[in-house]
Amino acid sequence: MAGWLIGVLLETADQPAPLLHYFAVGHADQGKSEWTAVDHAGRQGHVASGPVRGEEPVRAIRPLTPQKMKTLGLAPGEVRALGWRHPRRWLTG
């Protein structure tokens, strides 16, 4: 794998409860991708400090193949914030 799709629960001022925000991270190592996503998520809000409704604050959702990264334009080492909507394009094939 060449990268990861990571979900991070963010608490923001405009939402009553934390929402899962998605990040595409161009690191092959899952742990490094998770920490990189948390670092970038902290720029948008406060990362939840514990599980919310049974969901962990940070989770790897899916590995990204080199082909998927190339198709969607994610360079190695790059981080792309995808927002809180379900990122369908990143989850297919």
C-alpha atoms as a PDB file:
ATOM      1  CA  MET A   1       0.000   0.000   0.000  1.00  0.00           C
ATOM      2  CA  ALA A   2       1.122   3.533  -0.658  1.00  0.00           C
ATOM      3  CA  GLY A   3      -1.195   5.527   1.601  1.00  0.00           C
ATOM      4  CA  TRP A   4      -4.223   5.452   3.880  1.00  0.00           C
ATOM      5  CA  LEU A   5      -7.696   6.896   4.235  1.00  0.00           C
ATOM      6  CA  ILE A   6      -7.959   7.949   7.891  1.00  0.00           C
ATOM      7  CA  GLY A   7     -10.995   9.077   9.911  1.00  0.00           C
ATOM      8  CA  VAL A   8     -10.580  11.503  12.825  1.00  0.00           C
ATOM      9  CA  LEU A   9     -13.383  12.552  15.193  1.00  0.00           C
ATOM     10  CA  LEU A  10     -13.339  16.343  15.416  1.00  0.00           C
ATOM     11  CA  GLU A  11     -15.129  18.606  17.854  1.00  0.00           C
ATOM     12  CA  THR A  12     -15.924  21.935  16.207  1.00  0.00           C
ATOM     13  CA  ALA A  13     -17.765  24.987  17.473  1.00  0.00           C
ATOM     14  CA  ASP A  14     -20.520  24.695  14.861  1.00  0.00           C
ATOM     15  CA  GLN A  15     -21.442  21.053  15.671  1.00  0.00           C
ATOM     16  CA  PRO A  16     -23.083  19.754  18.875  1.00  0.00           C
ATOM     17  CA  ALA A  17     -21.193  16.443  18.732  1.00  0.00           C
ATOM     18  CA  PRO A  18     -17.893  15.312  17.186  1.00  0.00           C
ATOM     19  CA  LEU A  19     -18.030  14.398  13.498  1.00  0.00           C
ATOM     20  CA  LEU A  20     -15.806  11.994  11.632  1.00  0.00           C
ATOM     21  CA  HIS A  21     -13.563  13.921   9.239  1.00  0.00           C
ATOM     22  CA  TYR A  22     -11.661  12.095   6.522  1.00  0.00           C
ATOM     23  CA  PHE A  23      -8.044  12.528   5.468  1.00  0.00           C
ATOM     24  CA  ALA A  24      -6.121  10.947   2.606  1.00  0.00           C
ATOM     25  CA  VAL A  25      -2.503  10.483   3.690  1.00  0.00           C
ATOM     26  CA  GLY A  26       0.318   9.494   1.342  1.00  0.00           C
ATOM     27  CA  HIS A  27       2.358   7.436   3.825  1.00  0.00           C
ATOM     28  CA  ALA A  28       2.585   3.663   3.501  1.00  0.00           C
ATOM     29  CA  ASP A  29       2.940   3.183   7.283  1.00  0.00           C
ATOM     30  CA  GLN A  30      -0.490   3.056   8.944  1.00  0.00           C
ATOM     31  CA  GLY A  31       0.661   4.490  12.293  1.00  0.00           C
ATOM     32  CA  LYS A  32       2.473   7.384  10.643  1.00  0.00           C
ATOM     33  CA  SER A  33      -0.613   8.078   8.528  1.00  0.00           C
ATOM     34  CA  GLU A  34      -2.853   8.145  11.615  1.00  0.00           C
ATOM     35  CA  TRP A  35      -0.585  10.564  13.490  1.00  0.00           C
ATOM     36  CA  THR A  36      -0.196  12.762  10.428  1.00  0.00           C
ATOM     37  CA  ALA A  37      -3.986  12.924  10.049  1.00  0.00           C
ATOM     38  CA  VAL A  38      -4.359  13.852  13.728  1.00  0.00           C
ATOM     39  CA  ASP A  39      -1.803  16.647  13.307  1.00  0.00           C
ATOM     40  CA  HIS A  40      -3.719  18.057  10.350  1.00  0.00           C
ATOM     41  CA  ALA A  41      -7.102  17.586  12.030  1.00  0.00           C
ATOM     42  CA  GLY A  42      -5.911  19.686  14.975  1.00  0.00           C
ATOM     43  CA  ARG A  43      -5.774  22.663  12.613  1.00  0.00           C
ATOM     44  CA  GLN A  44      -9.520  22.374  11.983  1.00  0.00           C
ATOM     45  CA  GLY A  45     -10.797  21.685  15.477  1.00  0.00           C
ATOM     46  CA  HIS A  46     -10.228  19.675  18.628  1.00  0.00           C
ATOM     47  CA  VAL A  47      -9.659  15.941  18.195  1.00  0.00           C
ATOM     48  CA  ALA A  48     -11.990  13.933  20.445  1.00  0.00           C
ATOM     49  CA  SER A  49     -10.116  12.674  23.502  1.00  0.00           C
ATOM     50  CA  GLY A  50     -11.943   9.342  23.729  1.00  0.00           C
ATOM     51  CA  PRO A  51     -14.514   7.149  22.010  1.00  0.00           C
ATOM     52  CA  VAL A  52     -17.797   8.781  21.013  1.00  0.00           C
ATOM     53  CA  ARG A  53     -20.867   6.579  20.474  1.00  0.00           C
ATOM     54  CA  GLY A  54     -18.539   3.565  20.373  1.00  0.00           C
ATOM     55  CA  GLU A  55     -16.305   5.074  17.680  1.00  0.00           C
ATOM     56  CA  GLU A  56     -12.588   5.585  18.320  1.00  0.00           C
ATOM     57  CA  PRO A  57     -11.188   9.110  17.804  1.00  0.00           C
ATOM     58  CA  VAL A  58      -8.781   7.945  15.081  1.00  0.00           C
ATOM     59  CA  ARG A  59      -9.069   4.976  12.769  1.00  0.00           C
ATOM     60  CA  ALA A  60      -7.581   3.741   9.552  1.00  0.00           C
ATOM     61  CA  ILE A  61     -10.466   3.203   7.187  1.00  0.00           C
ATOM     62  CA  ARG A  62      -8.770   1.803   4.111  1.00  0.00           C
ATOM     63  CA  PRO A  63      -5.338   1.450   2.568  1.00  0.00           C
ATOM     64  CA  LEU A  64      -4.751   3.336  -0.681  1.00  0.00           C
ATOM     65  CA  THR A  65      -3.033   1.649  -3.578  1.00  0.00           C
ATOM     66  CA  PRO A  66      -0.461   3.489  -5.695  1.00  0.00           C
ATOM     67  CA  GLN A  67      -2.971   3.393  -8.570  1.00  0.00           C
ATOM     68  CA  LYS A  68      -5.732   5.001  -6.453  1.00  0.00           C
ATOM     69  CA  MET A  69      -3.328   7.707  -5.276  1.00  0.00           C
ATOM     70  CA  LYS A  70      -2.240   8.403  -8.855  1.00  0.00           C
ATOM     71  CA  THR A  71      -5.825   8.496 -10.107  1.00  0.00           C
ATOM     72  CA  LEU A  72      -6.900  10.975  -7.425  1.00  0.00           C
ATOM     73  CA  GLY A  73      -3.681  12.999  -7.479  1.00  0.00           C
ATOM     74  CA  LEU A  74      -2.319  12.279  -4.003  1.00  0.00           C
ATOM     75  CA  ALA A  75       1.473  12.491  -3.925  1.00  0.00           C
ATOM     76  CA  PRO A  76       3.634  10.440  -1.543  1.00  0.00           C
ATOM     77  CA  GLY A  77       3.841  12.275   1.796  1.00  0.00           C
ATOM     78  CA  GLU A  78       0.911  14.556   0.935  1.00  0.00           C
ATOM     79  CA  VAL A  79      -2.120  14.986   3.214  1.00  0.00           C
ATOM     80  CA  ARG A  80      -5.489  15.960   1.841  1.00  0.00           C
ATOM     81  CA  ALA A  81      -8.390  16.937   4.104  1.00  0.00           C
ATOM     82  CA  LEU A  82     -11.545  15.445   2.583  1.00  0.00           C
ATOM     83  CA  GLY A  83     -14.108  16.871   5.007  1.00  0.00           C
ATOM     84  CA  TRP A  84     -16.854  15.085   6.917  1.00  0.00           C
ATOM     85  CA  ARG A  85     -18.877  13.731   3.999  1.00  0.00           C
ATOM     86  CA  HIS A  86     -18.368  10.061   3.109  1.00  0.00           C
ATOM     87  CA  PRO A  87     -15.504  10.083   0.555  1.00  0.00           C
ATOM     88  CA  ARG A  88     -16.956   7.648  -2.020  1.00  0.00           C
ATOM     89  CA  ARG A  89     -14.307   8.303  -4.688  1.00  0.00           C
ATOM     90  CA  TRP A  90     -11.579   7.314  -2.228  1.00  0.00           C
ATOM     91  CA  LEU A  91     -13.346   4.113  -1.185  1.00  0.00           C
ATOM     92  CA  THR A  92     -14.002   2.521  -4.566  1.00  0.00           C
ATOM     93  CA  GLY A  93     -11.660   0.046  -6.233  1.00  0.00           C
END
